[in-house]
Amino acid sequence: MIFNSIDFLLFFSIVYIIYLISKHHIQNIFLLISSYFFYGYWDYRYLSLLLISTLVDYFVSLQIIKVQTTKVKKFFLIISILSNLSILGFFKYYNFFTLSAKVFLASLGFYINPILLEFALPLGISFYTFQTMSYTIDVYRGQITPTKNFFDFALYVSFFPQLVAGPIERATNLLPQVLNPRSITFQKLSEGSFLVLLGYFKKIYIADNLAFIVDPIFKNPNSSGAEMIFGCFVFFFQIYGDFAGYSDIARGIAKFMGFELMQNFNHPLFGINVSDFWRRWHISFMSWLRDYVYFSIGDKTDSESKKHFKNFLVFFLSGLWHGANWTFVIWGSINGIVFIFYRILQPYLPNWETNGLIWKEVLKKFILGSVTLFSVCLPLIYFRSTNVSLAWIHTQALWLNFGTIESKIFVKFLKNIVLLVFIEYIQNKSQNEFAIFSLPIWLRTIIYVSMFYSILILGNFDKNAFIYFVF
């Protein structure tokens, strides 16, 4: 069941009506049942994995707080981590590592015929396993007290708006909202409505329409270098519209029920360097890697070389997390190298003084933003290509067959993104995602009508699944 389907609209309508007329305790039980139905609607058999992860971390967290010695606490923490990573590793990476081992052994002259498993990747497994692990780690660190109510904890893990594609919520934010009664205010309904509208606009109009530009470029091994660079920029807006669109809809739906989910994207289009960009992009995941990987293997006294290693490890793992394919690993590694080079060169980069002149400030941000966007878009050749061989062919085209692109397709791309860039500019300038509410009513009306028109008339209603469902 996906947000951009009639099935979901019918499902949520029924859930919301019952939710509104129920008391807090009944709301939680009903939301838990609804979340399991939402997940099981795709394939009920994989509900068992969600339940196993929930049960293990629920009981482990209670044991961590119960025992006295650090050694035993760490033992239970390891049980949680190994359990979650085993589920994730087996269902997502078994075939990948098995085939990689087969190729490696064959290069050494050893030939094997391993057993490969044929099953669909469990929906959202990369998200909910990381969410439950963060819970037990926080309990181990003494940052939260585990709840004794299993059903409330299970709802925290499986809350359907963010279950399959995030944001990856921390217990410090979401769990108290589960435990305590929620209030539904006019402000939350207004903000939720805007986020849902914006999310559908990003998904149905931006992402699904841009797919018609991206797919032919990346499927064609003869695409020119210019087409590849253009394709990477278009794909960036496609995946941003797709993923940020999901996060917006999830947060909007949650607001309807009185919940506040974390902001997962903070206008990354306006990042002025790679460090700034990654602080704005997929915030729940990148902050997870920062808090539970980067800071777990060192501290502020680390040498510069160790910091570079930790940064590379974070990006390497981010690539591996995205998919069981060497293309994702290479993509993550390239981003890690780019990030390290930026950190090394940062002290030597010129400090552009604008002297308070607006045009200089605009020019400075435009140049820095363009360089940043180029540095994060170009590695997407490996993210989007189906295999390393095709990605390498596309990479070679950058200097062996640069060529040109058709002006019509470039104009089509600009028409697709102009309204999105305008909205994001308003939000980023005021550092308020709801800044549109303070605009003159005539301008708000134009924006709202344009978004509705883009969705209903110009949108793609082929029920395309969200890209991050497969991660």
Protein backbone atom coordinates (compact mmCIF):
# COMPACT_ATOMS: atom_id res chain seq x y z
CA MET A 1 0.00 0.00 0.00
CA ILE A 2 1.55 3.29 -1.10
CA PHE A 3 0.55 6.86 -0.29
CA ASN A 4 -0.26 7.69 -3.93
CA SER A 5 -2.98 5.03 -4.27
CA ILE A 6 -6.74 4.84 -3.82
CA ASP A 7 -6.21 1.94 -1.42
CA PHE A 8 -4.28 4.14 0.98
CA LEU A 9 -6.73 7.03 0.79
CA LEU A 10 -9.56 4.65 1.68
CA PHE A 11 -7.45 3.02 4.42
CA PHE A 12 -6.49 6.31 6.05
CA SER A 13 -10.02 7.71 5.86
CA ILE A 14 -11.35 4.78 7.87
CA VAL A 15 -8.42 4.81 10.31
CA TYR A 16 -8.72 8.54 10.90
CA ILE A 17 -12.44 8.51 11.64
CA ILE A 18 -12.05 5.72 14.20
CA TYR A 19 -8.96 7.41 15.64
CA LEU A 20 -10.81 10.69 16.23
CA ILE A 21 -13.65 9.10 18.19
CA SER A 22 -11.37 6.92 20.36
CA LYS A 23 -9.64 7.59 23.66
CA HIS A 24 -5.86 7.58 24.00
CA HIS A 25 -5.38 3.93 25.01
CA ILE A 26 -7.76 2.70 22.30
CA GLN A 27 -6.08 5.00 19.77
CA ASN A 28 -2.72 3.35 20.41
CA ILE A 29 -4.07 -0.19 20.11
CA PHE A 30 -5.99 0.71 16.98
CA LEU A 31 -2.99 2.46 15.41
CA LEU A 32 -0.85 -0.60 16.13
CA ILE A 33 -3.37 -2.90 14.45
CA SER A 34 -3.69 -0.45 11.54
CA SER A 35 0.10 -0.25 11.18
CA TYR A 36 0.40 -4.02 11.01
CA PHE A 37 -2.40 -4.13 8.44
CA PHE A 38 -0.67 -1.38 6.46
CA TYR A 39 2.58 -3.35 6.42
CA GLY A 40 0.99 -6.77 5.94
CA TYR A 41 -1.08 -5.49 3.00
CA TRP A 42 2.11 -5.73 0.96
CA ASP A 43 3.10 -9.22 2.20
CA TYR A 44 1.76 -10.49 5.51
CA ARG A 45 4.57 -13.07 5.83
CA TYR A 46 7.16 -10.36 6.53
CA LEU A 47 5.19 -9.14 9.53
CA SER A 48 7.08 -11.84 11.41
CA LEU A 49 10.38 -9.98 10.88
CA LEU A 50 8.91 -6.74 12.17
CA LEU A 51 7.52 -8.57 15.18
CA ILE A 52 10.82 -10.37 15.91
CA SER A 53 12.75 -7.10 15.84
CA THR A 54 10.16 -5.52 18.12
CA LEU A 55 10.12 -8.39 20.63
CA VAL A 56 13.90 -8.69 20.85
CA ASP A 57 14.51 -5.01 21.47
CA TYR A 58 11.62 -4.71 23.89
CA PHE A 59 12.89 -7.48 26.17
CA VAL A 60 16.56 -6.61 25.71
CA SER A 61 15.98 -2.98 26.72
CA LEU A 62 14.21 -4.07 29.90
CA GLN A 63 17.12 -6.37 30.77
CA ILE A 64 19.66 -3.61 30.14
CA ILE A 65 17.97 -1.35 32.66
CA LYS A 66 17.48 -4.22 35.12
CA VAL A 67 21.04 -5.55 35.40
CA GLN A 68 23.76 -3.70 37.30
CA THR A 69 27.09 -4.54 35.64
CA THR A 70 28.26 -2.84 32.47
CA LYS A 71 29.51 -6.14 31.08
CA VAL A 72 26.06 -7.74 31.24
CA LYS A 73 24.41 -4.59 29.88
CA LYS A 74 26.77 -4.73 26.93
CA PHE A 75 25.94 -8.41 26.42
CA PHE A 76 22.24 -7.61 25.99
CA LEU A 77 23.06 -4.67 23.73
CA ILE A 78 25.09 -7.00 21.50
CA ILE A 79 22.10 -9.36 21.33
CA SER A 80 19.97 -6.48 20.03
CA ILE A 81 22.52 -5.32 17.46
CA LEU A 82 23.32 -8.82 16.20
CA SER A 83 19.64 -9.71 15.98
CA ASN A 84 18.76 -6.66 13.91
CA LEU A 85 21.84 -6.81 11.71
CA SER A 86 21.32 -10.55 11.14
CA ILE A 87 17.78 -9.96 9.91
CA LEU A 88 18.92 -7.07 7.74
CA GLY A 89 22.04 -8.86 6.51
CA PHE A 90 20.30 -12.11 5.60
CA PHE A 91 17.30 -10.71 3.76
CA LYS A 92 19.06 -7.77 2.12
CA TYR A 93 22.67 -8.83 1.59
CA TYR A 94 22.87 -12.65 1.48
CA ASN A 95 22.73 -12.92 -2.31
CA PHE A 96 24.98 -9.88 -2.74
CA PHE A 97 27.78 -11.20 -0.54
CA THR A 98 27.37 -14.75 -1.86
CA LEU A 99 27.70 -13.68 -5.50
CA SER A 100 30.60 -11.35 -4.63
CA ALA A 101 32.38 -14.24 -2.93
CA LYS A 102 31.74 -16.45 -5.95
CA VAL A 103 33.31 -13.91 -8.31
CA PHE A 104 36.27 -13.36 -5.98
CA LEU A 105 36.98 -17.09 -5.60
CA ALA A 106 36.65 -17.57 -9.34
CA SER A 107 39.38 -14.98 -9.86
CA LEU A 108 41.60 -17.17 -7.66
CA GLY A 109 40.75 -20.30 -9.61
CA PHE A 110 38.13 -21.71 -7.23
CA TYR A 111 34.69 -22.27 -8.70
CA ILE A 112 31.62 -22.76 -6.53
CA ASN A 113 27.91 -22.93 -7.21
CA PRO A 114 26.29 -21.34 -4.14
CA ILE A 115 22.61 -21.53 -3.27
CA LEU A 116 20.86 -18.24 -3.89
CA LEU A 117 17.61 -17.24 -2.26
CA GLU A 118 14.63 -15.94 -4.19
CA PHE A 119 12.46 -13.59 -2.18
CA ALA A 120 11.38 -9.98 -2.27
CA LEU A 121 13.26 -7.55 -0.08
CA PRO A 122 11.13 -6.95 3.03
CA LEU A 123 9.57 -3.52 2.84
CA GLY A 124 11.21 -0.88 5.05
CA ILE A 125 13.60 -3.36 6.69
CA SER A 126 16.51 -0.89 6.57
CA PHE A 127 14.42 1.71 8.36
CA TYR A 128 12.75 -0.15 11.20
CA THR A 129 15.85 -2.19 12.12
CA PHE A 130 17.83 1.03 12.53
CA GLN A 131 15.00 2.61 14.51
CA THR A 132 14.81 -0.27 17.00
CA MET A 133 18.60 -0.43 17.33
CA SER A 134 18.73 3.26 18.21
CA TYR A 135 16.25 2.54 21.01
CA THR A 136 18.35 -0.14 22.70
CA ILE A 137 21.56 1.87 22.24
CA ASP A 138 19.93 4.89 23.87
CA VAL A 139 18.73 2.70 26.73
CA TYR A 140 22.25 1.30 27.14
CA ARG A 141 23.70 4.81 27.18
CA GLY A 142 21.19 5.85 29.83
CA GLN A 143 19.61 8.48 27.59
CA ILE A 144 16.09 7.07 27.86
CA THR A 145 14.13 4.83 30.19
CA PRO A 146 12.51 1.87 28.39
CA THR A 147 8.74 1.60 28.43
CA LYS A 148 7.20 -1.47 30.05
CA ASN A 149 4.12 -1.34 27.85
CA PHE A 150 4.84 -3.65 24.92
CA PHE A 151 2.01 -2.34 22.75
CA ASP A 152 3.19 1.26 23.08
CA PHE A 153 6.72 0.23 22.16
CA ALA A 154 5.42 -1.82 19.21
CA LEU A 155 3.53 1.26 17.98
CA TYR A 156 6.72 3.33 18.21
CA VAL A 157 8.45 0.76 15.98
CA SER A 158 5.63 0.26 13.47
CA PHE A 159 3.85 3.66 13.29
CA PHE A 160 2.57 3.36 9.72
CA PRO A 161 3.19 6.87 8.29
CA GLN A 162 6.97 6.49 8.69
CA LEU A 163 7.33 2.70 8.87
CA VAL A 164 8.60 1.85 5.40
CA ALA A 165 10.66 4.89 4.39
CA GLY A 166 11.27 6.99 7.45
CA PRO A 167 12.06 9.34 8.90
CA ILE A 168 14.02 7.02 11.21
CA GLU A 169 12.57 8.29 14.46
CA ARG A 170 14.39 8.33 17.78
CA ALA A 171 12.56 7.13 20.87
CA THR A 172 13.37 10.45 22.55
CA ASN A 173 11.04 12.16 20.06
CA LEU A 174 8.33 9.69 19.06
CA LEU A 175 7.89 7.44 22.10
CA PRO A 176 6.71 10.20 24.52
CA GLN A 177 4.09 11.12 21.92
CA VAL A 178 2.91 7.51 21.93
CA LEU A 179 2.79 7.31 25.72
CA ASN A 180 0.93 10.58 26.25
CA PRO A 181 -2.40 11.82 24.86
CA ARG A 182 -2.08 13.84 21.66
CA SER A 183 -3.87 17.06 20.85
CA ILE A 184 -5.10 17.98 17.39
CA THR A 185 -5.05 21.73 16.81
CA PHE A 186 -5.99 23.91 13.87
CA GLN A 187 -2.32 24.75 13.41
CA LYS A 188 -1.37 21.07 13.15
CA LEU A 189 -4.19 20.44 10.68
CA SER A 190 -3.07 23.43 8.58
CA GLU A 191 0.58 22.40 8.63
CA GLY A 192 -0.32 18.78 7.97
CA SER A 193 -2.48 19.72 4.99
CA PHE A 194 0.31 21.80 3.49
CA LEU A 195 2.89 19.03 3.99
CA VAL A 196 0.60 16.43 2.39
CA LEU A 197 -0.08 18.73 -0.58
CA LEU A 198 3.62 19.52 -0.93
CA GLY A 199 4.53 15.83 -0.65
CA TYR A 200 2.11 14.74 -3.36
CA PHE A 201 3.34 17.62 -5.53
CA LYS A 202 6.94 16.47 -5.13
CA LYS A 203 6.09 12.83 -5.78
CA ILE A 204 3.37 12.83 -8.45
CA TYR A 205 4.39 15.90 -10.41
CA ILE A 206 8.13 16.31 -9.84
CA ALA A 207 9.54 12.82 -9.29
CA ASP A 208 7.27 10.70 -11.47
CA ASN A 209 7.43 13.09 -14.42
CA LEU A 210 11.20 13.48 -14.23
CA ALA A 211 11.49 9.68 -14.42
CA PHE A 212 10.56 9.94 -18.10
CA ILE A 213 13.70 12.04 -18.64
CA VAL A 214 16.03 10.05 -16.39
CA ASP A 215 15.22 6.46 -17.39
CA PRO A 216 16.12 6.67 -21.11
CA ILE A 217 19.43 8.40 -20.33
CA PHE A 218 20.62 5.80 -17.81
CA LYS A 219 19.32 2.80 -19.76
CA ASN A 220 21.19 3.84 -22.90
CA PRO A 221 24.88 2.77 -22.83
CA ASN A 222 25.53 5.25 -25.65
CA SER A 223 24.38 8.33 -23.75
CA SER A 224 26.84 11.19 -24.17
CA GLY A 225 28.77 12.78 -21.33
CA ALA A 226 26.62 15.91 -21.48
CA GLU A 227 23.51 13.75 -21.27
CA MET A 228 24.95 11.92 -18.26
CA ILE A 229 25.72 15.13 -16.37
CA PHE A 230 22.26 16.41 -17.20
CA GLY A 231 20.76 13.05 -16.25
CA CYS A 232 22.48 13.17 -12.86
CA PHE A 233 21.03 16.61 -12.12
CA VAL A 234 17.56 15.51 -13.22
CA PHE A 235 17.84 12.31 -11.18
CA PHE A 236 18.84 14.34 -8.13
CA PHE A 237 15.57 16.28 -8.38
CA GLN A 238 13.69 13.06 -9.07
CA ILE A 239 14.98 11.23 -6.01
CA TYR A 240 14.65 14.36 -3.89
CA GLY A 241 11.03 14.82 -4.98
CA ASP A 242 10.37 11.13 -4.39
CA PHE A 243 11.99 10.75 -0.98
CA ALA A 244 11.30 14.20 0.44
CA GLY A 245 7.78 13.86 -0.91
CA TYR A 246 7.28 10.67 1.10
CA SER A 247 8.68 12.30 4.23
CA ASP A 248 6.39 15.32 3.80
CA ILE A 249 3.30 13.14 3.38
CA ALA A 250 4.30 11.00 6.37
CA ARG A 251 4.80 14.07 8.56
CA GLY A 252 1.56 15.63 7.35
CA ILE A 253 -0.48 12.49 8.08
CA ALA A 254 1.15 12.25 11.50
CA LYS A 255 0.19 15.87 12.24
CA PHE A 256 -3.44 15.03 11.47
CA MET A 257 -3.28 12.62 14.41
CA GLY A 258 -1.39 14.98 16.70
CA PHE A 259 2.09 13.51 16.18
CA GLU A 260 5.21 15.49 15.29
CA LEU A 261 7.75 13.59 13.20
CA MET A 262 11.21 15.02 12.67
CA GLN A 263 12.05 17.05 9.56
CA ASN A 264 13.98 14.71 7.26
CA PHE A 265 15.08 17.25 4.64
CA ASN A 266 16.06 20.85 5.27
CA HIS A 267 16.13 22.30 1.76
CA PRO A 268 19.34 20.61 0.56
CA LEU A 269 19.08 22.45 -2.76
CA PHE A 270 20.57 25.45 -0.96
CA GLY A 271 23.52 23.74 0.70
CA ILE A 272 26.63 25.92 0.25
CA ASN A 273 29.19 23.13 0.73
CA VAL A 274 29.16 19.34 0.96
CA SER A 275 29.16 19.38 4.75
CA ASP A 276 26.18 21.71 4.77
CA PHE A 277 24.43 19.58 2.15
CA TRP A 278 24.72 16.33 4.10
CA ARG A 279 23.42 18.05 7.23
CA ARG A 280 20.30 18.90 5.23
CA TRP A 281 19.84 15.61 3.34
CA HIS A 282 18.06 12.55 4.85
CA ILE A 283 18.68 14.03 8.28
CA SER A 284 17.30 11.11 10.28
CA PHE A 285 19.70 8.65 8.62
CA MET A 286 22.81 10.82 8.45
CA SER A 287 22.38 11.86 12.08
CA TRP A 288 21.92 8.16 12.98
CA LEU A 289 25.29 7.34 11.41
CA ARG A 290 26.85 10.32 13.16
CA ASP A 291 25.52 9.44 16.62
CA TYR A 292 25.79 5.64 16.53
CA VAL A 293 28.81 5.08 14.25
CA TYR A 294 31.00 8.19 14.07
CA PHE A 295 30.87 9.07 17.78
CA SER A 296 30.95 5.42 18.84
CA ILE A 297 34.46 4.83 17.51
CA GLY A 298 36.18 7.96 18.81
CA ASP A 299 35.78 11.37 20.39
CA LYS A 300 36.76 15.02 19.92
CA THR A 301 40.42 14.25 20.70
CA ASP A 302 40.80 12.03 17.61
CA SER A 303 43.56 12.88 15.17
CA GLU A 304 42.65 14.38 11.81
CA SER A 305 43.51 11.13 10.04
CA LYS A 306 41.16 9.16 12.29
CA LYS A 307 38.40 11.72 11.71
CA HIS A 308 38.89 11.30 7.96
CA PHE A 309 38.67 7.52 8.37
CA LYS A 310 35.46 7.83 10.41
CA ASN A 311 33.94 10.16 7.83
CA PHE A 312 34.80 7.75 5.04
CA LEU A 313 33.33 4.85 7.03
CA VAL A 314 30.08 6.77 7.52
CA PHE A 315 29.70 7.38 3.79
CA PHE A 316 30.79 3.84 2.92
CA LEU A 317 28.10 2.44 5.24
CA SER A 318 25.55 4.88 3.84
CA GLY A 319 26.21 3.47 0.39
CA LEU A 320 25.93 -0.12 1.60
CA TRP A 321 22.74 0.72 3.51
CA HIS A 322 21.11 1.99 0.33
CA GLY A 323 21.34 -1.29 -1.51
CA ALA A 324 22.99 -4.65 -2.05
CA ASN A 325 24.94 -3.61 -5.11
CA TRP A 326 28.52 -2.45 -5.64
CA THR A 327 27.16 0.63 -7.40
CA PHE A 328 25.83 1.93 -4.06
CA VAL A 329 29.09 1.10 -2.27
CA ILE A 330 31.07 3.02 -4.90
CA TRP A 331 28.61 5.92 -4.71
CA GLY A 332 29.00 6.13 -0.94
CA SER A 333 32.78 5.85 -1.17
CA ILE A 334 33.01 8.65 -3.74
CA ASN A 335 30.93 10.91 -1.50
CA GLY A 336 33.21 10.01 1.40
CA ILE A 337 36.31 10.96 -0.59
CA VAL A 338 34.73 14.23 -1.75
CA PHE A 339 33.76 15.04 1.85
CA ILE A 340 37.29 14.34 3.12
CA PHE A 341 38.84 16.50 0.41
CA TYR A 342 36.52 19.32 1.37
CA ARG A 343 37.47 19.01 5.05
CA ILE A 344 41.17 19.05 4.12
CA LEU A 345 40.84 22.06 1.80
CA GLN A 346 38.36 23.98 3.97
CA PRO A 347 40.99 25.99 5.93
CA TYR A 348 42.57 27.13 2.66
CA LEU A 349 39.41 28.12 0.80
CA PRO A 350 38.99 31.88 0.26
CA ASN A 351 36.59 33.72 2.55
CA TRP A 352 34.48 35.75 0.20
CA GLU A 353 33.64 39.05 1.81
CA THR A 354 30.38 40.52 0.54
CA ASN A 355 30.58 43.78 2.53
CA GLY A 356 26.83 43.69 3.04
CA LEU A 357 26.11 43.96 -0.69
CA ILE A 358 23.08 41.85 -1.62
CA TRP A 359 24.21 41.09 -5.16
CA LYS A 360 27.58 39.82 -3.91
CA GLU A 361 25.88 37.64 -1.30
CA VAL A 362 23.53 36.19 -3.94
CA LEU A 363 26.41 35.56 -6.33
CA LYS A 364 28.48 33.92 -3.58
CA LYS A 365 25.69 31.55 -2.58
CA PHE A 366 24.89 30.75 -6.21
CA ILE A 367 28.49 29.81 -7.03
CA LEU A 368 29.03 27.82 -3.84
CA GLY A 369 25.64 26.14 -4.20
CA SER A 370 26.31 25.22 -7.85
CA VAL A 371 29.69 23.67 -7.00
CA THR A 372 28.13 21.76 -4.11
CA LEU A 373 25.23 20.49 -6.19
CA PHE A 374 27.60 19.36 -8.94
CA SER A 375 29.80 17.48 -6.46
CA VAL A 376 26.85 15.52 -5.03
CA CYS A 377 25.04 15.00 -8.34
CA LEU A 378 27.87 13.58 -10.44
CA PRO A 379 28.43 10.49 -8.21
CA LEU A 380 24.77 9.63 -8.83
CA ILE A 381 25.99 7.95 -12.02
CA TYR A 382 26.78 4.99 -9.78
CA PHE A 383 23.66 5.32 -7.63
CA ARG A 384 21.31 5.23 -10.64
CA SER A 385 23.12 2.82 -12.98
CA THR A 386 21.95 -0.79 -12.68
CA ASN A 387 25.47 -2.26 -12.50
CA VAL A 388 29.11 -1.20 -12.23
CA SER A 389 29.90 -2.01 -15.87
CA LEU A 390 27.18 0.28 -17.17
CA ALA A 391 28.15 2.96 -14.65
CA TRP A 392 31.76 2.80 -15.87
CA ILE A 393 30.60 3.17 -19.50
CA HIS A 394 28.60 6.22 -18.46
CA THR A 395 31.62 7.60 -16.59
CA GLN A 396 33.89 7.15 -19.62
CA ALA A 397 31.42 9.13 -21.72
CA LEU A 398 32.27 12.21 -19.65
CA TRP A 399 35.63 12.52 -21.42
CA LEU A 400 35.36 10.22 -24.45
CA ASN A 401 31.96 11.23 -25.79
CA PHE A 402 30.84 14.47 -24.23
CA GLY A 403 28.36 15.54 -26.94
CA THR A 404 25.34 17.75 -26.30
CA ILE A 405 21.79 17.62 -25.00
CA GLU A 406 18.56 18.64 -26.69
CA SER A 407 17.33 22.08 -25.67
CA LYS A 408 13.71 20.84 -25.55
CA ILE A 409 14.42 18.30 -22.84
CA PHE A 410 16.38 20.88 -20.84
CA VAL A 411 13.46 23.34 -21.02
CA LYS A 412 11.07 20.55 -19.98
CA PHE A 413 13.22 19.88 -16.92
CA LEU A 414 13.28 23.55 -15.93
CA LYS A 415 9.49 23.80 -16.27
CA ASN A 416 9.13 20.81 -13.95
CA ILE A 417 11.25 22.22 -11.13
CA VAL A 418 10.63 25.99 -11.22
CA LEU A 419 7.72 25.98 -8.75
CA LEU A 420 9.54 23.59 -6.39
CA VAL A 421 12.66 25.79 -6.36
CA PHE A 422 10.53 28.87 -5.69
CA ILE A 423 8.74 27.25 -2.74
CA GLU A 424 12.01 25.92 -1.31
CA TYR A 425 13.65 29.32 -1.72
CA ILE A 426 10.93 30.92 0.40
CA GLN A 427 11.24 28.21 3.03
CA ASN A 428 15.03 28.29 3.14
CA LYS A 429 15.29 32.09 3.22
CA SER A 430 13.15 32.32 6.36
CA GLN A 431 14.35 28.99 7.80
CA ASN A 432 10.69 28.09 8.21
CA GLU A 433 9.06 25.32 6.19
CA PHE A 434 5.67 26.96 6.75
CA ALA A 435 6.78 30.43 5.65
CA ILE A 436 4.23 30.22 2.86
CA PHE A 437 1.51 30.91 5.45
CA SER A 438 2.85 34.45 5.92
CA LEU A 439 2.73 35.32 2.20
CA PRO A 440 0.00 37.59 0.81
CA ILE A 441 -3.20 35.67 0.24
CA TRP A 442 -3.15 36.26 -3.52
CA LEU A 443 0.32 34.73 -3.80
CA ARG A 444 -0.61 31.78 -1.58
CA THR A 445 -3.66 31.17 -3.73
CA ILE A 446 -1.56 31.10 -6.89
CA ILE A 447 0.89 28.64 -5.30
CA TYR A 448 -1.84 26.33 -4.00
CA VAL A 449 -3.75 26.34 -7.29
CA SER A 450 -0.54 25.71 -9.22
CA MET A 451 0.31 22.74 -7.01
CA PHE A 452 -3.19 21.24 -7.31
CA TYR A 453 -3.13 21.76 -11.08
CA SER A 454 0.33 20.18 -11.35
CA ILE A 455 -0.82 17.12 -9.38
CA LEU A 456 -4.27 16.58 -10.88
CA ILE A 457 -3.70 17.65 -14.49
CA LEU A 458 0.04 17.34 -15.15
CA GLY A 459 0.90 14.62 -12.62
CA ASN A 460 1.74 11.00 -13.35
CA PHE A 461 -0.83 8.67 -11.79
CA ASP A 462 0.72 5.36 -12.78
CA LYS A 463 1.03 4.49 -9.07
CA ASN A 464 4.82 4.45 -9.17
CA ALA A 465 6.21 3.10 -5.91
CA PHE A 466 8.50 5.34 -3.89
CA ILE A 467 12.16 4.75 -4.77
CA TYR A 468 13.25 4.28 -1.15
CA PHE A 469 10.82 1.38 -0.67
CA VAL A 470 13.54 -0.87 -2.11
CA PHE A 471 16.24 0.31 0.33
